[in-house]
């Protein structure tokens, strides 16, 4: 069995949180894999050909255990006082592979994309996960039901964030994450979306990458870059380098978001089945950037001025940034 994942930290101690989860989550999943099921057997991915959907009892068992594993990871993180997790956290997207079986767990706005061949033997990109942003209707409803707020700042009308009920903080740009305990009572959750896919001979590889990659490149572009790499050992690095160039072209005055990539190839021969690459750009000062696009996942310490009162609430305006659109109600 193979476990692959990328963890994208955010907030003041996001790098520590992502490293912490990276180090402990695989062990928890390994222990989960060895636990016996209700009937005493080991929980293995042995899903029958005619039971590959969400009704399969073995998949449901894996889904329940993985969900519990993520919750246990979050509980452990909260109890560890060596890391600041009140306004810091990490997203996660990961896959478990054994033979032809693939289980995907998604927590946040990183993404998994599969490369497969169509009937004409052309490469196609298939997105396996949904980017769990705060403005996804089902996510918005949960957050508002828990008294959280979903709003976009005026200078970033397309970037929706979660805010505490009565404070314009922390401004988190994803709806699920490990950590960020200031928002856990207001709609942010650590429950992953778990899905299953049975691999076929047409499936070539899967790419796991943080949102910094997907904000700069499309799914098709990512598949093309990885497939055209000189060899598999350079595929992830090539993808990160192309994402960085695309960031500079599309958002020349914005900070480049962190990019982390794992490429999992399904077919041999290959020097290694798993290739990963990560790049940070601390030399780029975010204070010199006028636009953040989605690079700043958390907005902290916004000082507020009291404004005019509306019918239902006080309109509070940040001195430097004003909140714009607000989602008051949601329809599917």
Protein backbone atom coordinates (compact mmCIF):
# COMPACT_ATOMS: atom_id res chain seq x y z
CA UNK A 1 0.00 0.00 0.00
CA UNK A 2 1.12 3.53 -0.82
CA UNK A 3 0.14 6.71 1.01
CA UNK A 4 0.82 10.07 -0.66
CA UNK A 5 -0.19 13.53 0.50
CA UNK A 6 0.54 17.24 0.40
CA UNK A 7 -0.02 19.55 3.36
CA UNK A 8 -0.30 23.31 2.84
CA UNK A 9 0.19 25.34 6.02
CA UNK A 10 -1.25 28.82 6.61
CA UNK A 11 -1.13 31.39 9.38
CA UNK A 12 1.85 32.46 11.53
CA UNK A 13 2.84 28.86 12.40
CA UNK A 14 1.44 27.17 9.32
CA UNK A 15 4.80 25.68 8.34
CA UNK A 16 5.05 23.97 11.73
CA UNK A 17 1.48 22.69 11.58
CA UNK A 18 1.92 21.20 8.11
CA UNK A 19 5.16 19.48 9.14
CA UNK A 20 3.51 18.15 12.29
CA UNK A 21 0.58 16.63 10.40
CA UNK A 22 2.91 15.32 7.68
CA UNK A 23 4.93 13.48 10.32
CA UNK A 24 2.07 12.03 12.39
CA UNK A 25 -0.83 11.39 9.99
CA UNK A 26 0.80 8.54 8.00
CA UNK A 27 1.51 6.67 11.24
CA UNK A 28 -2.11 7.01 12.31
CA UNK A 29 -3.30 5.69 8.94
CA UNK A 30 -0.84 2.79 9.12
CA UNK A 31 -2.19 1.87 12.55
CA UNK A 32 -5.74 2.19 11.22
CA UNK A 33 -4.91 -0.19 8.37
CA UNK A 34 -3.81 -2.89 10.83
CA UNK A 35 -6.91 -2.71 13.01
CA UNK A 36 -9.36 -5.60 12.65
CA UNK A 37 -12.82 -4.92 11.30
CA UNK A 38 -16.03 -5.88 13.04
CA UNK A 39 -15.83 -9.46 11.80
CA UNK A 40 -12.21 -9.82 12.95
CA UNK A 41 -10.53 -9.50 9.56
CA UNK A 42 -7.92 -6.90 8.76
CA UNK A 43 -9.35 -3.94 6.89
CA UNK A 44 -7.92 -4.36 3.40
CA UNK A 45 -9.03 -2.80 0.18
CA UNK A 46 -10.62 -5.82 -1.44
CA UNK A 47 -13.58 -4.26 -3.21
CA UNK A 48 -15.52 -6.47 -5.58
CA UNK A 49 -15.81 -5.50 -9.24
CA UNK A 50 -19.54 -4.92 -8.94
CA UNK A 51 -19.25 -2.84 -5.77
CA UNK A 52 -17.05 0.12 -6.58
CA UNK A 53 -19.35 2.91 -5.45
CA UNK A 54 -20.09 4.52 -2.12
CA UNK A 55 -22.44 1.70 -1.07
CA UNK A 56 -19.63 -0.81 -0.75
CA UNK A 57 -19.31 -1.81 2.94
CA UNK A 58 -15.51 -2.03 2.85
CA UNK A 59 -15.24 1.44 1.38
CA UNK A 60 -17.67 2.74 4.00
CA UNK A 61 -15.47 1.14 6.67
CA UNK A 62 -12.39 2.87 5.25
CA UNK A 63 -14.25 6.17 5.00
CA UNK A 64 -15.35 6.00 8.63
CA UNK A 65 -11.88 5.08 9.86
CA UNK A 66 -10.11 7.71 7.81
CA UNK A 67 -12.55 10.34 9.06
CA UNK A 68 -11.90 9.26 12.65
CA UNK A 69 -8.17 9.32 11.93
CA UNK A 70 -8.38 12.95 10.75
CA UNK A 71 -10.40 13.93 13.81
CA UNK A 72 -7.87 12.22 16.09
CA UNK A 73 -5.08 14.08 14.31
CA UNK A 74 -6.86 17.38 14.92
CA UNK A 75 -7.43 16.53 18.58
CA UNK A 76 -3.75 15.70 19.03
CA UNK A 77 -2.80 18.94 17.35
CA UNK A 78 -5.02 20.97 19.69
CA UNK A 79 -3.52 19.35 22.78
CA UNK A 80 0.07 19.98 21.70
CA UNK A 81 0.98 23.34 23.21
CA UNK A 82 4.36 23.45 21.44
CA UNK A 83 2.69 24.76 18.26
CA UNK A 84 0.43 27.79 17.86
CA UNK A 85 -2.73 26.48 16.22
CA UNK A 86 -5.31 29.06 17.27
CA UNK A 87 -4.92 31.01 14.01
CA UNK A 88 -2.63 28.56 12.16
CA UNK A 89 -3.44 25.33 10.36
CA UNK A 90 -2.94 23.19 7.29
CA UNK A 91 -4.95 21.68 4.48
CA UNK A 92 -4.40 18.15 3.20
CA UNK A 93 -5.08 16.10 0.11
CA UNK A 94 -3.95 12.49 0.09
CA UNK A 95 -4.45 9.13 -1.60
CA UNK A 96 -4.18 5.54 -0.45
CA UNK A 97 -3.35 3.10 -3.24
CA UNK A 98 -3.30 -0.66 -3.15
CA UNK A 99 -3.35 -2.47 -6.46
CA UNK A 100 -6.18 -1.07 -8.56
CA UNK A 101 -7.88 0.65 -5.62
CA UNK A 102 -7.51 4.35 -4.89
CA UNK A 103 -9.05 6.15 -1.89
CA UNK A 104 -8.84 9.94 -1.90
CA UNK A 105 -9.14 12.10 1.24
CA UNK A 106 -9.51 15.85 0.80
CA UNK A 107 -9.40 18.52 3.51
CA UNK A 108 -9.27 22.06 2.16
CA UNK A 109 -8.37 23.59 -1.18
CA UNK A 110 -5.47 21.48 -2.42
CA UNK A 111 -6.45 19.23 -5.32
CA UNK A 112 -6.03 15.75 -6.79
CA UNK A 113 -6.15 15.36 -10.58
CA UNK A 114 -5.97 12.08 -12.48
CA UNK A 115 -4.44 11.67 -15.93
CA UNK A 116 -6.13 9.05 -18.11
CA UNK A 117 -6.39 8.14 -21.79
CA UNK A 118 -9.56 8.43 -23.85
CA UNK A 119 -10.75 6.16 -26.65
CA UNK A 120 -8.35 7.93 -29.04
CA UNK A 121 -5.43 7.36 -26.67
CA UNK A 122 -5.26 11.10 -25.92
CA UNK A 123 -4.42 12.25 -22.39
CA UNK A 124 -7.29 13.70 -20.37
CA UNK A 125 -7.40 15.36 -16.95
CA UNK A 126 -10.05 14.27 -14.44
CA UNK A 127 -10.41 16.23 -11.22
CA UNK A 128 -10.87 13.85 -8.30
CA UNK A 129 -11.56 16.41 -5.57
CA UNK A 130 -13.56 19.60 -5.05
CA UNK A 131 -11.71 22.70 -3.84
CA UNK A 132 -13.38 23.23 -0.46
CA UNK A 133 -13.55 27.01 -0.49
CA UNK A 134 -15.89 28.89 1.87
CA UNK A 135 -18.20 29.90 -1.00
CA UNK A 136 -19.01 26.31 -2.00
CA UNK A 137 -22.78 26.26 -1.24
CA UNK A 138 -22.77 23.32 1.18
CA UNK A 139 -19.71 24.71 2.99
CA UNK A 140 -21.23 28.19 3.24
CA UNK A 141 -24.44 26.83 4.71
CA UNK A 142 -22.58 24.91 7.42
CA UNK A 143 -20.47 27.95 8.34
CA UNK A 144 -23.46 30.32 8.52
CA UNK A 145 -25.47 27.76 10.52
CA UNK A 146 -22.62 27.80 13.07
CA UNK A 147 -22.69 31.60 13.25
CA UNK A 148 -19.52 32.05 11.20
CA UNK A 149 -19.40 34.60 8.38
CA UNK A 150 -18.38 34.13 4.74
CA UNK A 151 -17.25 37.34 3.10
CA UNK A 152 -14.88 38.64 0.46
CA UNK A 153 -12.83 41.77 0.96
CA UNK A 154 -13.49 44.59 -1.47
CA UNK A 155 -9.99 44.38 -2.91
CA UNK A 156 -10.38 40.61 -3.38
CA UNK A 157 -13.98 40.21 -4.62
CA UNK A 158 -13.41 36.63 -5.76
CA UNK A 159 -11.65 35.33 -2.63
CA UNK A 160 -14.19 34.37 0.02
CA UNK A 161 -13.00 33.86 3.58
CA UNK A 162 -14.32 32.62 6.92
CA UNK A 163 -14.53 35.21 9.69
CA UNK A 164 -15.49 34.97 13.35
CA UNK A 165 -19.02 36.21 14.16
CA UNK A 166 -18.05 39.57 15.66
CA UNK A 167 -14.45 40.03 14.58
CA UNK A 168 -12.93 40.47 11.13
CA UNK A 169 -10.42 37.74 11.89
CA UNK A 170 -8.81 35.44 10.84
CA UNK A 171 -10.06 35.61 7.24
CA UNK A 172 -9.40 31.99 6.30
CA UNK A 173 -9.63 31.18 2.59
CA UNK A 174 -10.66 27.53 2.95
CA UNK A 175 -13.62 25.78 4.59
CA UNK A 176 -11.86 22.73 6.10
CA UNK A 177 -8.46 22.36 7.73
CA UNK A 178 -6.44 20.93 10.56
CA UNK A 179 -5.90 23.49 13.31
CA UNK A 180 -7.34 27.05 13.15
CA UNK A 181 -9.14 26.38 16.41
CA UNK A 182 -10.45 29.95 16.63
CA UNK A 183 -12.90 28.93 13.88
CA UNK A 184 -13.75 25.36 14.89
CA UNK A 185 -16.88 26.56 16.74
CA UNK A 186 -17.97 28.59 13.72
CA UNK A 187 -18.13 26.11 10.86
CA UNK A 188 -14.53 25.15 10.08
CA UNK A 189 -14.16 21.35 10.34
CA UNK A 190 -11.43 18.72 10.04
CA UNK A 191 -13.70 16.14 8.38
CA UNK A 192 -12.26 15.04 5.03
CA UNK A 193 -14.26 14.33 1.91
CA UNK A 194 -13.39 10.68 1.21
CA UNK A 195 -13.98 9.13 -2.22
CA UNK A 196 -13.07 5.96 -4.09
CA UNK A 197 -11.90 5.18 -7.60
CA UNK A 198 -11.08 1.87 -9.19
CA UNK A 199 -8.09 2.29 -11.49
CA UNK A 200 -8.03 0.90 -15.03
CA UNK A 201 -5.37 0.38 -17.69
CA UNK A 202 -6.23 3.81 -19.09
CA UNK A 203 -5.17 5.63 -15.91
CA UNK A 204 -1.59 6.95 -16.07
CA UNK A 205 -0.86 9.00 -12.95
CA UNK A 206 -2.36 11.25 -10.28
CA UNK A 207 -1.07 14.68 -9.28
CA UNK A 208 -1.54 16.02 -5.76
CA UNK A 209 -0.74 19.71 -5.44
CA UNK A 210 -1.40 22.71 -3.22
CA UNK A 211 -3.61 25.55 -4.38
CA UNK A 212 -0.58 27.59 -5.42
CA UNK A 213 -0.25 25.29 -8.43
CA UNK A 214 -3.92 25.25 -9.37
CA UNK A 215 -4.29 29.03 -9.05
CA UNK A 216 -1.69 29.39 -11.79
CA UNK A 217 -2.30 26.38 -14.04
CA UNK A 218 -5.36 24.51 -15.31
CA UNK A 219 -5.89 20.78 -14.84
CA UNK A 220 -5.10 20.17 -18.51
CA UNK A 221 -1.91 22.21 -18.32
CA UNK A 222 -0.76 20.28 -15.26
CA UNK A 223 -1.34 16.92 -16.93
CA UNK A 224 0.49 18.07 -20.07
CA UNK A 225 3.50 19.30 -18.08
CA UNK A 226 3.83 16.11 -16.04
CA UNK A 227 3.32 13.85 -19.06
CA UNK A 228 5.94 15.70 -21.10
CA UNK A 229 8.63 15.70 -18.38
CA UNK A 230 11.99 14.35 -19.51
CA UNK A 231 11.68 11.55 -16.95
CA UNK A 232 9.50 10.85 -13.96
CA UNK A 233 12.11 11.92 -11.45
CA UNK A 234 11.87 15.52 -12.74
CA UNK A 235 8.09 15.70 -13.27
CA UNK A 236 7.16 17.30 -9.94
CA UNK A 237 10.00 19.83 -10.11
CA UNK A 238 9.07 20.75 -13.67
CA UNK A 239 5.47 21.32 -12.60
CA UNK A 240 6.46 23.62 -9.72
CA UNK A 241 8.79 25.63 -11.98
CA UNK A 242 6.04 26.06 -14.58
CA UNK A 243 3.58 27.12 -11.87
CA UNK A 244 6.01 29.76 -10.60
CA UNK A 245 6.48 31.16 -14.11
CA UNK A 246 2.71 31.24 -14.62
CA UNK A 247 2.27 33.11 -11.31
CA UNK A 248 4.76 35.76 -12.42
CA UNK A 249 2.98 36.17 -15.76
CA UNK A 250 -0.59 36.23 -14.44
CA UNK A 251 -0.06 38.03 -11.13
CA UNK A 252 3.15 40.04 -11.52
CA UNK A 253 2.55 42.13 -8.37
CA UNK A 254 1.38 39.31 -6.13
CA UNK A 255 3.26 37.11 -3.74
CA UNK A 256 3.83 33.62 -5.17
CA UNK A 257 1.95 31.05 -3.13
CA UNK A 258 3.81 28.00 -1.81
CA UNK A 259 3.78 25.10 -4.25
CA UNK A 260 4.08 21.45 -3.21
CA UNK A 261 3.56 18.57 -5.63
CA UNK A 262 3.41 14.78 -5.50
CA UNK A 263 3.17 12.77 -8.74
CA UNK A 264 2.14 9.14 -8.34
CA UNK A 265 2.67 7.07 -11.50
CA UNK A 266 0.68 3.87 -11.88
CA UNK A 267 2.61 2.07 -14.60
CA UNK A 268 6.15 0.75 -14.72
CA UNK A 269 8.92 1.12 -15.67
CA UNK A 270 9.92 4.08 -13.53
CA UNK A 271 12.89 5.01 -11.34
CA UNK A 272 10.40 5.46 -8.52
CA UNK A 273 6.65 5.39 -8.32
CA UNK A 274 6.39 8.56 -6.26
CA UNK A 275 8.01 11.90 -7.04
CA UNK A 276 7.62 15.00 -4.89
CA UNK A 277 8.87 18.57 -4.96
CA UNK A 278 8.25 21.62 -2.80
CA UNK A 279 9.30 25.20 -3.20
CA UNK A 280 8.93 28.26 -0.95
CA UNK A 281 9.75 31.82 -1.93
CA UNK A 282 10.60 33.69 1.30
CA UNK A 283 12.70 36.18 -0.63
CA UNK A 284 9.51 37.71 -2.04
CA UNK A 285 8.25 40.24 0.50
CA UNK A 286 4.46 40.16 0.67
CA UNK A 287 4.40 43.75 1.90
CA UNK A 288 5.67 44.89 -1.50
CA UNK A 289 2.75 43.20 -3.27
CA UNK A 290 -0.48 45.06 -3.91
CA UNK A 291 -2.65 42.02 -4.62
CA UNK A 292 -2.75 38.68 -2.86
CA UNK A 293 -5.04 36.68 -5.15
CA UNK A 294 -5.18 33.52 -3.03
CA UNK A 295 -1.62 33.53 -1.77
CA UNK A 296 -2.50 34.90 1.66
CA UNK A 297 -4.74 32.17 3.03
CA UNK A 298 -5.15 33.92 6.38
CA UNK A 299 -5.70 37.63 7.01
CA UNK A 300 -4.91 38.65 10.60
CA UNK A 301 -5.13 41.74 12.79
CA UNK A 302 -7.51 43.84 10.75
CA UNK A 303 -8.38 46.93 12.81
CA UNK A 304 -11.99 47.99 12.53
CA UNK A 305 -13.82 51.30 12.48
CA UNK A 306 -17.46 51.52 13.40
CA UNK A 307 -19.63 52.46 10.45
CA UNK A 308 -23.27 52.99 9.77
CA UNK A 309 -25.78 50.56 11.20
CA UNK A 310 -28.01 48.69 8.82
CA UNK A 311 -31.31 47.05 9.59
CA UNK A 312 -29.78 43.90 11.05
CA UNK A 313 -26.16 44.63 11.87
CA UNK A 314 -23.43 47.19 12.33
CA UNK A 315 -21.34 47.72 9.22
CA UNK A 316 -17.73 47.59 10.42
CA UNK A 317 -15.04 48.73 8.03
CA UNK A 318 -11.38 47.76 8.28
CA UNK A 319 -9.13 50.81 8.14
CA UNK A 320 -7.06 49.39 5.31
CA UNK A 321 -9.32 46.70 3.90
CA UNK A 322 -13.08 46.79 3.68
CA UNK A 323 -15.12 43.63 3.58
CA UNK A 324 -17.17 43.37 0.46
CA UNK A 325 -19.64 40.69 -0.55
CA UNK A 326 -21.35 38.70 2.16
CA UNK A 327 -23.28 35.46 1.73
CA UNK A 328 -26.35 35.73 3.92
CA UNK A 329 -28.23 32.74 2.55
CA UNK A 330 -27.46 29.80 0.34
CA UNK A 331 -29.43 27.73 -2.13
CA UNK A 332 -28.06 24.53 -3.64
